Amino acid sequence: MRIRGQIGDWPVDLTIELEPAEWAQLGRQLEVPVVAEGASIATPASPRQDDGQWTAAREVLRQAGQMNGPELLDRLEQLVGSTSGGKRLMVRLRHSPNVLVKAGETSSIYLWKED
């Protein structure tokens, strides 16, 4: 498999070689269980588990009014207890209709805007 493209100004040319057994193992991990015909798919009755964190993340930015990216990430990491969780919340904030993201000199500035 060959992947070509760019990350910013840097060209990327990556070749991944797998043995047939490795491809088979990868395929087993991607298999989706078959749902019997006529069976209903259960939908969760409760809201998403991270809705409380999402609400808290929105409140952090709303109360501050505006924050630079690193400062916001630090606050979100403290809120959820992990860097990856903080980054997920930042992405959600970036795409929220209540948030405006502007380019600052060294980092993005996240601004809360009311409905």
PDB file of N, CA and C in Angstrom:
ATOM      1  N   MET A   1       0.861  -1.156   0.000  1.00  0.00           N
ATOM      2  CA  MET A   1       0.000   0.000   0.000  1.00  0.00           C
ATOM      3  C   MET A   1       0.912   1.223   0.000  1.00  0.00           C
ATOM      4  N   ARG A   2       0.583   2.202  -0.811  1.00  0.00           N
ATOM      5  CA  ARG A   2       1.380   3.419  -0.887  1.00  0.00           C
ATOM      6  C   ARG A   2       0.483   4.612  -0.598  1.00  0.00           C
ATOM      7  N   ILE A   3       0.941   5.482   0.268  1.00  0.00           N
ATOM      8  CA  ILE A   3       0.210   6.686   0.640  1.00  0.00           C
ATOM      9  C   ILE A   3       1.074   7.872   0.257  1.00  0.00           C
ATOM     10  N   ARG A   4       0.509   8.751  -0.581  1.00  0.00           N
ATOM     11  CA  ARG A   4       1.232   9.955  -0.985  1.00  0.00           C
ATOM     12  C   ARG A   4       0.358  11.175  -0.734  1.00  0.00           C
ATOM     13  N   GLY A   5       0.990  12.260  -0.375  1.00  0.00           N
ATOM     14  CA  GLY A   5       0.269  13.501  -0.133  1.00  0.00           C
ATOM     15  C   GLY A   5       1.184  14.523   0.498  1.00  0.00           C
ATOM     16  N   GLN A   6       0.573  15.414   1.274  1.00  0.00           N
ATOM     17  CA  GLN A   6       1.339  16.459   1.942  1.00  0.00           C
ATOM     18  C   GLN A   6       0.782  16.700   3.324  1.00  0.00           C
ATOM     19  N   ILE A   7       1.671  17.037   4.241  1.00  0.00           N
ATOM     20  CA  ILE A   7       1.310  17.533   5.555  1.00  0.00           C
ATOM     21  C   ILE A   7       1.904  18.922   5.622  1.00  0.00           C
ATOM     22  N   GLY A   8       1.044  19.913   5.462  1.00  0.00           N
ATOM     23  CA  GLY A   8       1.540  21.286   5.364  1.00  0.00           C
ATOM     24  C   GLY A   8       2.375  21.420   4.108  1.00  0.00           C
ATOM     25  N   ASP A   9       3.595  21.890   4.257  1.00  0.00           N
ATOM     26  CA  ASP A   9       4.504  22.040   3.120  1.00  0.00           C
ATOM     27  C   ASP A   9       5.347  20.787   2.880  1.00  0.00           C
ATOM     28  N   TRP A  10       5.228  19.782   3.759  1.00  0.00           N
ATOM     29  CA  TRP A  10       6.070  18.601   3.669  1.00  0.00           C
ATOM     30  C   TRP A  10       5.422  17.524   2.812  1.00  0.00           C
ATOM     31  N   PRO A  11       6.150  17.039   1.821  1.00  0.00           N
ATOM     32  CA  PRO A  11       5.612  15.928   1.029  1.00  0.00           C
ATOM     33  C   PRO A  11       5.681  14.627   1.831  1.00  0.00           C
ATOM     34  N   VAL A  12       4.697  13.766   1.623  1.00  0.00           N
ATOM     35  CA  VAL A  12       4.645  12.482   2.302  1.00  0.00           C
ATOM     36  C   VAL A  12       4.578  11.393   1.241  1.00  0.00           C
ATOM     37  N   ASP A  13       5.447  10.403   1.348  1.00  0.00           N
ATOM     38  CA  ASP A  13       5.427   9.241   0.464  1.00  0.00           C
ATOM     39  C   ASP A  13       5.734   8.041   1.356  1.00  0.00           C
ATOM     40  N   LEU A  14       4.690   7.307   1.713  1.00  0.00           N
ATOM     41  CA  LEU A  14       4.804   6.225   2.675  1.00  0.00           C
ATOM     42  C   LEU A  14       4.390   4.919   2.016  1.00  0.00           C
ATOM     43  N   THR A  15       5.213   3.900   2.158  1.00  0.00           N
ATOM     44  CA  THR A  15       4.898   2.579   1.636  1.00  0.00           C
ATOM     45  C   THR A  15       4.745   1.631   2.814  1.00  0.00           C
ATOM     46  N   ILE A  16       3.633   0.905   2.840  1.00  0.00           N
ATOM     47  CA  ILE A  16       3.374  -0.069   3.889  1.00  0.00           C
ATOM     48  C   ILE A  16       3.333  -1.445   3.242  1.00  0.00           C
ATOM     49  N   GLU A  17       4.190  -2.316   3.721  1.00  0.00           N
ATOM     50  CA  GLU A  17       4.228  -3.677   3.190  1.00  0.00           C
ATOM     51  C   GLU A  17       3.830  -4.648   4.288  1.00  0.00           C
ATOM     52  N   LEU A  18       2.855  -5.503   3.994  1.00  0.00           N
ATOM     53  CA  LEU A  18       2.402  -6.508   4.942  1.00  0.00           C
ATOM     54  C   LEU A  18       2.451  -7.882   4.291  1.00  0.00           C
ATOM     55  N   GLU A  19       2.766  -8.877   5.089  1.00  0.00           N
ATOM     56  CA  GLU A  19       2.731 -10.263   4.642  1.00  0.00           C
ATOM     57  C   GLU A  19       1.268 -10.697   4.553  1.00  0.00           C
ATOM     58  N   PRO A  20       0.963 -11.712   3.765  1.00  0.00           N
ATOM     59  CA  PRO A  20      -0.427 -12.175   3.650  1.00  0.00           C
ATOM     60  C   PRO A  20      -1.080 -12.475   5.002  1.00  0.00           C
ATOM     61  N   ALA A  21      -0.343 -13.053   5.931  1.00  0.00           N
ATOM     62  CA  ALA A  21      -0.904 -13.356   7.259  1.00  0.00           C
ATOM     63  C   ALA A  21      -1.259 -12.064   8.007  1.00  0.00           C
ATOM     64  N   GLU A  22      -0.439 -11.020   7.811  1.00  0.00           N
ATOM     65  CA  GLU A  22      -0.719  -9.730   8.470  1.00  0.00           C
ATOM     66  C   GLU A  22      -1.966  -9.077   7.880  1.00  0.00           C
ATOM     67  N   TRP A  23      -2.145  -9.169   6.548  1.00  0.00           N
ATOM     68  CA  TRP A  23      -3.358  -8.643   5.903  1.00  0.00           C
ATOM     69  C   TRP A  23      -4.582  -9.382   6.437  1.00  0.00           C
ATOM     70  N   ALA A  24      -4.467 -10.710   6.581  1.00  0.00           N
ATOM     71  CA  ALA A  24      -5.584 -11.510   7.094  1.00  0.00           C
ATOM     72  C   ALA A  24      -5.929 -11.097   8.521  1.00  0.00           C
ATOM     73  N   GLN A  25      -4.898 -10.873   9.339  1.00  0.00           N
ATOM     74  CA  GLN A  25      -5.134 -10.449  10.720  1.00  0.00           C
ATOM     75  C   GLN A  25      -5.814  -9.082  10.748  1.00  0.00           C
ATOM     76  N   LEU A  26      -5.371  -8.179   9.907  1.00  0.00           N
ATOM     77  CA  LEU A  26      -5.983  -6.861   9.826  1.00  0.00           C
ATOM     78  C   LEU A  26      -7.439  -6.981   9.393  1.00  0.00           C
ATOM     79  N   GLY A  27      -7.707  -7.843   8.421  1.00  0.00           N
ATOM     80  CA  GLY A  27      -9.068  -8.053   7.952  1.00  0.00           C
ATOM     81  C   GLY A  27      -9.979  -8.610   9.035  1.00  0.00           C
ATOM     82  N   ARG A  28      -9.463  -9.501   9.880  1.00  0.00           N
ATOM     83  CA  ARG A  28     -10.267 -10.056  10.969  1.00  0.00           C
ATOM     84  C   ARG A  28     -10.670  -8.968  11.958  1.00  0.00           C
ATOM     85  N   GLN A  29      -9.804  -7.992  12.158  1.00  0.00           N
ATOM     86  CA  GLN A  29     -10.117  -6.917  13.098  1.00  0.00           C
ATOM     87  C   GLN A  29     -11.172  -5.975  12.534  1.00  0.00           C
ATOM     88  N   LEU A  30     -11.334  -5.959  11.226  1.00  0.00           N
ATOM     89  CA  LEU A  30     -12.294  -5.061  10.593  1.00  0.00           C
ATOM     90  C   LEU A  30     -13.641  -5.725  10.310  1.00  0.00           C
ATOM     91  N   GLU A  31     -13.751  -7.031  10.561  1.00  0.00           N
ATOM     92  CA  GLU A  31     -14.992  -7.727  10.280  1.00  0.00           C
ATOM     93  C   GLU A  31     -16.114  -7.167  11.137  1.00  0.00           C
ATOM     94  N   VAL A  32     -17.284  -6.987  10.507  1.00  0.00           N
ATOM     95  CA  VAL A  32     -18.467  -6.467  11.187  1.00  0.00           C
ATOM     96  C   VAL A  32     -19.436  -7.617  11.368  1.00  0.00           C
ATOM     97  N   PRO A  33     -19.977  -7.821  12.563  1.00  0.00           N
ATOM     98  CA  PRO A  33     -20.917  -8.914  12.758  1.00  0.00           C
ATOM     99  C   PRO A  33     -22.173  -8.697  11.916  1.00  0.00           C
ATOM    100  N   VAL A  34     -22.701  -9.793  11.386  1.00  0.00           N
ATOM    101  CA  VAL A  34     -23.892  -9.733  10.545  1.00  0.00           C
ATOM    102  C   VAL A  34     -25.116  -9.720  11.446  1.00  0.00           C
ATOM    103  N   VAL A  35     -26.050  -8.795  11.174  1.00  0.00           N
ATOM    104  CA  VAL A  35     -27.288  -8.713  11.929  1.00  0.00           C
ATOM    105  C   VAL A  35     -28.322  -9.561  11.205  1.00  0.00           C
ATOM    106  N   ALA A  36     -28.978 -10.434  11.940  1.00  0.00           N
ATOM    107  CA  ALA A  36     -29.983 -11.308  11.336  1.00  0.00           C
ATOM    108  C   ALA A  36     -31.098 -10.470  10.731  1.00  0.00           C
ATOM    109  N   GLU A  37     -31.633 -10.938   9.610  1.00  0.00           N
ATOM    110  CA  GLU A  37     -32.712 -10.217   8.936  1.00  0.00           C
ATOM    111  C   GLU A  37     -33.906 -10.103   9.871  1.00  0.00           C
ATOM    112  N   GLY A  38     -34.473  -8.927   9.939  1.00  0.00           N
ATOM    113  CA  GLY A  38     -35.625  -8.700  10.795  1.00  0.00           C
ATOM    114  C   GLY A  38     -35.250  -8.310  12.213  1.00  0.00           C
ATOM    115  N   ALA A  39     -33.996  -8.435  12.566  1.00  0.00           N
ATOM    116  CA  ALA A  39     -33.571  -8.057  13.919  1.00  0.00           C
ATOM    117  C   ALA A  39     -33.482  -6.546  14.003  1.00  0.00           C
ATOM    118  N   SER A  40     -33.886  -6.009  15.112  1.00  0.00           N
ATOM    119  CA  SER A  40     -33.812  -4.555  15.269  1.00  0.00           C
ATOM    120  C   SER A  40     -32.488  -4.193  15.927  1.00  0.00           C
ATOM    121  N   ILE A  41     -31.990  -3.060  15.565  1.00  0.00           N
ATOM    122  CA  ILE A  41     -30.750  -2.556  16.148  1.00  0.00           C
ATOM    123  C   ILE A  41     -31.131  -1.641  17.288  1.00  0.00           C
ATOM    124  N   ALA A  42     -30.610  -1.941  18.464  1.00  0.00           N
ATOM    125  CA  ALA A  42     -30.946  -1.149  19.651  1.00  0.00           C
ATOM    126  C   ALA A  42     -30.259   0.198  19.574  1.00  0.00           C
ATOM    127  N   THR A  43     -30.994   1.236  19.895  1.00  0.00           N
ATOM    128  CA  THR A  43     -30.412   2.570  19.968  1.00  0.00           C
ATOM    129  C   THR A  43     -30.313   2.949  21.435  1.00  0.00           C
ATOM    130  N   PRO A  44     -29.246   3.592  21.811  1.00  0.00           N
ATOM    131  CA  PRO A  44     -29.087   3.923  23.227  1.00  0.00           C
ATOM    132  C   PRO A  44     -30.155   4.899  23.688  1.00  0.00           C
ATOM    133  N   ALA A  45     -30.699   4.629  24.856  1.00  0.00           N
ATOM    134  CA  ALA A  45     -31.744   5.490  25.410  1.00  0.00           C
ATOM    135  C   ALA A  45     -31.143   6.670  26.152  1.00  0.00           C
ATOM    136  N   SER A  46     -29.913   6.510  26.616  1.00  0.00           N
ATOM    137  CA  SER A  46     -29.276   7.584  27.371  1.00  0.00           C
ATOM    138  C   SER A  46     -28.440   8.452  26.446  1.00  0.00           C
ATOM    139  N   PRO A  47     -28.194   9.704  26.826  1.00  0.00           N
ATOM    140  CA  PRO A  47     -27.361  10.577  25.993  1.00  0.00           C
ATOM    141  C   PRO A  47     -25.930  10.064  25.952  1.00  0.00           C
ATOM    142  N   ARG A  48     -25.155  10.589  25.025  1.00  0.00           N
ATOM    143  CA  ARG A  48     -23.751  10.183  24.908  1.00  0.00           C
ATOM    144  C   ARG A  48     -23.056  10.333  26.248  1.00  0.00           C
ATOM    145  N   GLN A  49     -22.141   9.410  26.514  1.00  0.00           N
ATOM    146  CA  GLN A  49     -21.439   9.412  27.794  1.00  0.00           C
ATOM    147  C   GLN A  49     -20.669  10.703  28.028  1.00  0.00           C
ATOM    148  N   ASP A  50     -20.156  11.295  26.962  1.00  0.00           N
ATOM    149  CA  ASP A  50     -19.312  12.475  27.162  1.00  0.00           C
ATOM    150  C   ASP A  50     -20.087  13.781  27.080  1.00  0.00           C
ATOM    151  N   ASP A  51     -21.432  13.727  27.070  1.00  0.00           N
ATOM    152  CA  ASP A  51     -22.192  14.973  27.006  1.00  0.00           C
ATOM    153  C   ASP A  51     -21.931  15.871  28.202  1.00  0.00           C
ATOM    154  N   GLY A  52     -21.677  15.284  29.361  1.00  0.00           N
ATOM    155  CA  GLY A  52     -21.349  16.087  30.532  1.00  0.00           C
ATOM    156  C   GLY A  52     -20.027  16.818  30.344  1.00  0.00           C
ATOM    157  N   GLN A  53     -19.047  16.125  29.757  1.00  0.00           N
ATOM    158  CA  GLN A  53     -17.757  16.755  29.484  1.00  0.00           C
ATOM    159  C   GLN A  53     -17.911  17.836  28.423  1.00  0.00           C
ATOM    160  N   TRP A  54     -18.742  17.563  27.406  1.00  0.00           N
ATOM    161  CA  TRP A  54     -18.974  18.540  26.341  1.00  0.00           C
ATOM    162  C   TRP A  54     -19.606  19.800  26.918  1.00  0.00           C
ATOM    163  N   THR A  55     -20.586  19.637  27.786  1.00  0.00           N
ATOM    164  CA  THR A  55     -21.245  20.778  28.420  1.00  0.00           C
ATOM    165  C   THR A  55     -20.244  21.558  29.263  1.00  0.00           C
ATOM    166  N   ALA A  56     -19.410  20.841  30.004  1.00  0.00           N
ATOM    167  CA  ALA A  56     -18.408  21.500  30.845  1.00  0.00           C
ATOM    168  C   ALA A  56     -17.371  22.234  29.993  1.00  0.00           C
ATOM    169  N   ALA A  57     -16.963  21.640  28.864  1.00  0.00           N
ATOM    170  CA  ALA A  57     -15.986  22.287  27.981  1.00  0.00           C
ATOM    171  C   ALA A  57     -16.558  23.575  27.400  1.00  0.00           C
ATOM    172  N   ARG A  58     -17.802  23.519  26.980  1.00  0.00           N
ATOM    173  CA  ARG A  58     -18.461  24.736  26.461  1.00  0.00           C
ATOM    174  C   ARG A  58     -18.514  25.813  27.546  1.00  0.00           C
ATOM    175  N   GLU A  59     -18.800  25.394  28.762  1.00  0.00           N
ATOM    176  CA  GLU A  59     -18.914  26.346  29.869  1.00  0.00           C
ATOM    177  C   GLU A  59     -17.559  26.988  30.187  1.00  0.00           C
ATOM    178  N   VAL A  60     -16.479  26.227  30.091  1.00  0.00           N
ATOM    179  CA  VAL A  60     -15.132  26.773  30.322  1.00  0.00           C
ATOM    180  C   VAL A  60     -14.882  27.930  29.358  1.00  0.00           C
ATOM    181  N   LEU A  61     -15.151  27.718  28.079  1.00  0.00           N
ATOM    182  CA  LEU A  61     -14.903  28.767  27.091  1.00  0.00           C
ATOM    183  C   LEU A  61     -15.912  29.900  27.222  1.00  0.00           C
ATOM    184  N   ARG A  62     -17.176  29.577  27.504  1.00  0.00           N
ATOM    185  CA  ARG A  62     -18.202  30.618  27.650  1.00  0.00           C
ATOM    186  C   ARG A  62     -17.846  31.572  28.779  1.00  0.00           C
ATOM    187  N   GLN A  63     -17.411  31.027  29.911  1.00  0.00           N
ATOM    188  CA  GLN A  63     -17.057  31.866  31.058  1.00  0.00           C
ATOM    189  C   GLN A  63     -15.821  32.710  30.773  1.00  0.00           C
ATOM    190  N   ALA A  64     -14.860  32.145  30.057  1.00  0.00           N
ATOM    191  CA  ALA A  64     -13.634  32.893  29.750  1.00  0.00           C
ATOM    192  C   ALA A  64     -13.883  33.933  28.665  1.00  0.00           C
ATOM    193  N   GLY A  65     -14.803  33.659  27.761  1.00  0.00           N
ATOM    194  CA  GLY A  65     -15.053  34.574  26.653  1.00  0.00           C
ATOM    195  C   GLY A  65     -14.127  34.292  25.482  1.00  0.00           C
ATOM    196  N   GLN A  66     -12.853  34.165  25.756  1.00  0.00           N
ATOM    197  CA  GLN A  66     -11.868  33.793  24.734  1.00  0.00           C
ATOM    198  C   GLN A  66     -10.646  33.191  25.410  1.00  0.00           C
ATOM    199  N   MET A  67     -10.014  32.253  24.703  1.00  0.00           N
ATOM    200  CA  MET A  67      -8.794  31.611  25.206  1.00  0.00           C
ATOM    201  C   MET A  67      -7.926  31.245  24.021  1.00  0.00           C
ATOM    202  N   ASN A  68      -6.608  31.263  24.238  1.00  0.00           N
ATOM    203  CA  ASN A  68      -5.735  30.776  23.162  1.00  0.00           C
ATOM    204  C   ASN A  68      -5.724  29.251  23.206  1.00  0.00           C
ATOM    205  N   GLY A  69      -5.348  28.628  22.101  1.00  0.00           N
ATOM    206  CA  GLY A  69      -5.400  27.183  21.955  1.00  0.00           C
ATOM    207  C   GLY A  69      -4.687  26.400  23.049  1.00  0.00           C
ATOM    208  N   PRO A  70      -3.406  26.703  23.337  1.00  0.00           N
ATOM    209  CA  PRO A  70      -2.699  25.940  24.375  1.00  0.00           C
ATOM    210  C   PRO A  70      -3.342  26.059  25.760  1.00  0.00           C
ATOM    211  N   GLU A  71      -3.815  27.253  26.087  1.00  0.00           N
ATOM    212  CA  GLU A  71      -4.462  27.457  27.384  1.00  0.00           C
ATOM    213  C   GLU A  71      -5.771  26.662  27.452  1.00  0.00           C
ATOM    214  N   LEU A  72      -6.540  26.691  26.379  1.00  0.00           N
ATOM    215  CA  LEU A  72      -7.794  25.955  26.333  1.00  0.00           C
ATOM    216  C   LEU A  72      -7.536  24.449  26.413  1.00  0.00           C
ATOM    217  N   LEU A  73      -6.553  23.972  25.670  1.00  0.00           N
ATOM    218  CA  LEU A  73      -6.228  22.548  25.704  1.00  0.00           C
ATOM    219  C   LEU A  73      -5.828  22.129  27.117  1.00  0.00           C
ATOM    220  N   ASP A  74      -5.040  22.936  27.786  1.00  0.00           N
ATOM    221  CA  ASP A  74      -4.629  22.628  29.155  1.00  0.00           C
ATOM    222  C   ASP A  74      -5.846  22.497  30.070  1.00  0.00           C
ATOM    223  N   ARG A  75      -6.776  23.431  29.960  1.00  0.00           N
ATOM    224  CA  ARG A  75      -7.998  23.392  30.790  1.00  0.00           C
ATOM    225  C   ARG A  75      -8.843  22.158  30.471  1.00  0.00           C
ATOM    226  N   LEU A  76      -8.951  21.822  29.180  1.00  0.00           N
ATOM    227  CA  LEU A  76      -9.755  20.672  28.785  1.00  0.00           C
ATOM    228  C   LEU A  76      -9.098  19.360  29.219  1.00  0.00           C
ATOM    229  N   GLU A  77      -7.762  19.298  29.149  1.00  0.00           N
ATOM    230  CA  GLU A  77      -7.051  18.112  29.631  1.00  0.00           C
ATOM    231  C   GLU A  77      -7.312  17.904  31.122  1.00  0.00           C
ATOM    232  N   GLN A  78      -7.298  18.993  31.887  1.00  0.00           N
ATOM    233  CA  GLN A  78      -7.584  18.901  33.311  1.00  0.00           C
ATOM    234  C   GLN A  78      -9.024  18.442  33.536  1.00  0.00           C
ATOM    235  N   LEU A  79      -9.920  18.893  32.699  1.00  0.00           N
ATOM    236  CA  LEU A  79     -11.333  18.561  32.823  1.00  0.00           C
ATOM    237  C   LEU A  79     -11.586  17.071  32.613  1.00  0.00           C
ATOM    238  N   VAL A  80     -10.992  16.495  31.555  1.00  0.00           N
ATOM    239  CA  VAL A  80     -11.265  15.095  31.219  1.00  0.00           C
ATOM    240  C   VAL A  80     -10.195  14.131  31.707  1.00  0.00           C
ATOM    241  N   GLY A  81      -9.027  14.628  32.084  1.00  0.00           N
ATOM    242  CA  GLY A  81      -7.983  13.762  32.628  1.00  0.00           C
ATOM    243  C   GLY A  81      -7.072  13.128  31.602  1.00  0.00           C
ATOM    244  N   SER A  82      -7.153  13.565  30.332  1.00  0.00           N
ATOM    245  CA  SER A  82      -6.243  13.008  29.326  1.00  0.00           C
ATOM    246  C   SER A  82      -6.042  14.009  28.191  1.00  0.00           C
ATOM    247  N   THR A  83      -4.882  13.902  27.549  1.00  0.00           N
ATOM    248  CA  THR A  83      -4.587  14.773  26.416  1.00  0.00           C
ATOM    249  C   THR A  83      -5.502  14.463  25.243  1.00  0.00           C
ATOM    250  N   SER A  84      -5.704  13.171  24.951  1.00  0.00           N
ATOM    251  CA  SER A  84      -6.542  12.808  23.804  1.00  0.00           C
ATOM    252  C   SER A  84      -7.990  13.267  24.008  1.00  0.00           C
ATOM    253  N   GLY A  85      -8.496  13.151  25.226  1.00  0.00           N
ATOM    254  CA  GLY A  85      -9.853  13.622  25.513  1.00  0.00           C
ATOM    255  C   GLY A  85      -9.959  15.132  25.367  1.00  0.00           C
ATOM    256  N   GLY A  86      -8.932  15.842  25.812  1.00  0.00           N
ATOM    257  CA  GLY A  86      -8.912  17.301  25.659  1.00  0.00           C
ATOM    258  C   GLY A  86      -8.886  17.714  24.201  1.00  0.00           C
ATOM    259  N   LYS A  87      -8.109  16.991  23.391  1.00  0.00           N
ATOM    260  CA  LYS A  87      -8.040  17.306  21.963  1.00  0.00           C
ATOM    261  C   LYS A  87      -9.380  17.044  21.266  1.00  0.00           C
ATOM    262  N   ARG A  88     -10.055  15.944  21.657  1.00  0.00           N
ATOM    263  CA  ARG A  88     -11.370  15.669  21.061  1.00  0.00           C
ATOM    264  C   ARG A  88     -12.351  16.798  21.353  1.00  0.00           C
ATOM    265  N   LEU A  89     -12.327  17.299  22.584  1.00  0.00           N
ATOM    266  CA  LEU A  89     -13.214  18.402  22.937  1.00  0.00           C
ATOM    267  C   LEU A  89     -12.852  19.679  22.187  1.00  0.00           C
ATOM    268  N   MET A  90     -11.567  19.908  21.970  1.00  0.00           N
ATOM    269  CA  MET A  90     -11.151  21.096  21.197  1.00  0.00           C
ATOM    270  C   MET A  90     -11.677  21.023  19.768  1.00  0.00           C
ATOM    271  N   VAL A  91     -11.634  19.835  19.176  1.00  0.00           N
ATOM    272  CA  VAL A  91     -12.147  19.677  17.816  1.00  0.00           C
ATOM    273  C   VAL A  91     -13.648  19.964  17.797  1.00  0.00           C
ATOM    274  N   ARG A  92     -14.359  19.428  18.795  1.00  0.00           N
ATOM    275  CA  ARG A  92     -15.806  19.703  18.856  1.00  0.00           C
ATOM    276  C   ARG A  92     -16.066  21.198  19.024  1.00  0.00           C
ATOM    277  N   LEU A  93     -15.277  21.862  19.871  1.00  0.00           N
ATOM    278  CA  LEU A  93     -15.450  23.305  20.056  1.00  0.00           C
ATOM    279  C   LEU A  93     -15.177  24.059  18.766  1.00  0.00           C
ATOM    280  N   ARG A  94     -14.129  23.652  18.057  1.00  0.00           N
ATOM    281  CA  ARG A  94     -13.758  24.312  16.804  1.00  0.00           C
ATOM    282  C   ARG A  94     -14.922  24.299  15.811  1.00  0.00           C
ATOM    283  N   HIS A  95     -15.713  23.237  15.832  1.00  0.00           N
ATOM    284  CA  HIS A  95     -16.816  23.099  14.879  1.00  0.00           C
ATOM    285  C   HIS A  95     -18.171  23.494  15.461  1.00  0.00           C
ATOM    286  N   SER A  96     -18.175  23.988  16.675  1.00  0.00           N
ATOM    287  CA  SER A  96     -19.416  24.406  17.311  1.00  0.00           C
ATOM    288  C   SER A  96     -19.888  25.741  16.737  1.00  0.00           C
ATOM    289  N   PRO A  97     -21.187  25.889  16.545  1.00  0.00           N
ATOM    290  CA  PRO A  97     -21.696  27.168  16.043  1.00  0.00           C
ATOM    291  C   PRO A  97     -21.520  28.319  17.039  1.00  0.00           C
ATOM    292  N   ASN A  98     -21.245  27.998  18.304  1.00  0.00           N
ATOM    293  CA  ASN A  98     -21.058  29.032  19.314  1.00  0.00           C
ATOM    294  C   ASN A  98     -19.611  29.461  19.465  1.00  0.00           C
ATOM    295  N   VAL A  99     -18.726  28.916  18.652  1.00  0.00           N
ATOM    296  CA  VAL A  99     -17.298  29.210  18.799  1.00  0.00           C
ATOM    297  C   VAL A  99     -16.740  29.756  17.494  1.00  0.00           C
ATOM    298  N   LEU A 100     -15.990  30.819  17.619  1.00  0.00           N
ATOM    299  CA  LEU A 100     -15.287  31.413  16.491  1.00  0.00           C
ATOM    300  C   LEU A 100     -13.799  31.212  16.742  1.00  0.00           C
ATOM    301  N   VAL A 101     -13.093  30.705  15.755  1.00  0.00           N
ATOM    302  CA  VAL A 101     -11.653  30.479  15.896  1.00  0.00           C
ATOM    303  C   VAL A 101     -10.931  31.449  14.973  1.00  0.00           C
ATOM    304  N   LYS A 102     -10.032  32.221  15.566  1.00  0.00           N
ATOM    305  CA  LYS A 102      -9.242  33.185  14.800  1.00  0.00           C
ATOM    306  C   LYS A 102      -7.767  32.825  14.922  1.00  0.00           C
ATOM    307  N   ALA A 103      -7.011  33.153  13.908  1.00  0.00           N
ATOM    308  CA  ALA A 103      -5.571  32.912  13.942  1.00  0.00           C
ATOM    309  C   ALA A 103      -4.911  33.994  14.777  1.00  0.00           C
ATOM    310  N   GLY A 104      -4.162  33.580  15.779  1.00  0.00           N
ATOM    311  CA  GLY A 104      -3.375  34.510  16.580  1.00  0.00           C
ATOM    312  C   GLY A 104      -1.945  34.523  16.064  1.00  0.00           C
ATOM    313  N   GLU A 105      -1.071  35.267  16.729  1.00  0.00           N
ATOM    314  CA  GLU A 105       0.326  35.338  16.299  1.00  0.00           C
ATOM    315  C   GLU A 105       1.027  33.994  16.415  1.00  0.00           C
ATOM    316  N   THR A 106       0.783  33.287  17.534  1.00  0.00           N
ATOM    317  CA  THR A 106       1.465  32.007  17.752  1.00  0.00           C
ATOM    318  C   THR A 106       0.517  30.824  17.865  1.00  0.00           C
ATOM    319  N   SER A 107      -0.764  31.074  18.104  1.00  0.00           N
ATOM    320  CA  SER A 107      -1.729  29.985  18.222  1.00  0.00           C
ATOM    321  C   SER A 107      -3.129  30.504  17.912  1.00  0.00           C
ATOM    322  N   SER A 108      -4.049  29.578  17.729  1.00  0.00           N
ATOM    323  CA  SER A 108      -5.436  29.946  17.458  1.00  0.00           C
ATOM    324  C   SER A 108      -6.069  30.547  18.704  1.00  0.00           C
ATOM    325  N   ILE A 109      -7.002  31.459  18.485  1.00  0.00           N
ATOM    326  CA  ILE A 109      -7.765  32.073  19.569  1.00  0.00           C
ATOM    327  C   ILE A 109      -9.199  31.569  19.441  1.00  0.00           C
ATOM    328  N   TYR A 110      -9.727  30.993  20.511  1.00  0.00           N
ATOM    329  CA  TYR A 110     -11.089  30.479  20.544  1.00  0.00           C
ATOM    330  C   TYR A 110     -11.965  31.511  21.235  1.00  0.00           C
ATOM    331  N   LEU A 111     -12.991  31.987  20.541  1.00  0.00           N
ATOM    332  CA  LEU A 111     -13.892  33.019  21.075  1.00  0.00           C
ATOM    333  C   LEU A 111     -15.291  32.443  21.205  1.00  0.00           C
ATOM    334  N   TRP A 112     -15.942  32.686  22.343  1.00  0.00           N
ATOM    335  CA  TRP A 112     -17.319  32.247  22.540  1.00  0.00           C
ATOM    336  C   TRP A 112     -18.241  33.297  21.965  1.00  0.00           C
ATOM    337  N   LYS A 113     -19.209  32.883  21.185  1.00  0.00           N
ATOM    338  CA  LYS A 113     -20.208  33.818  20.676  1.00  0.00           C
ATOM    339  C   LYS A 113     -21.575  33.311  21.071  1.00  0.00           C
ATOM    340  N   GLU A 114     -22.393  34.191  21.559  1.00  0.00           N
ATOM    341  CA  GLU A 114     -23.743  33.819  22.027  1.00  0.00           C
ATOM    342  C   GLU A 114     -24.621  33.438  20.847  1.00  0.00           C
ATOM    343  N   ASP A 115     -25.693  32.715  21.152  1.00  0.00           N
ATOM    344  CA  ASP A 115     -26.632  32.279  20.099  1.00  0.00           C
ATOM    345  C   ASP A 115     -27.247  33.468  19.398  1.00  0.00           C
TER     346      ASP A 115
END
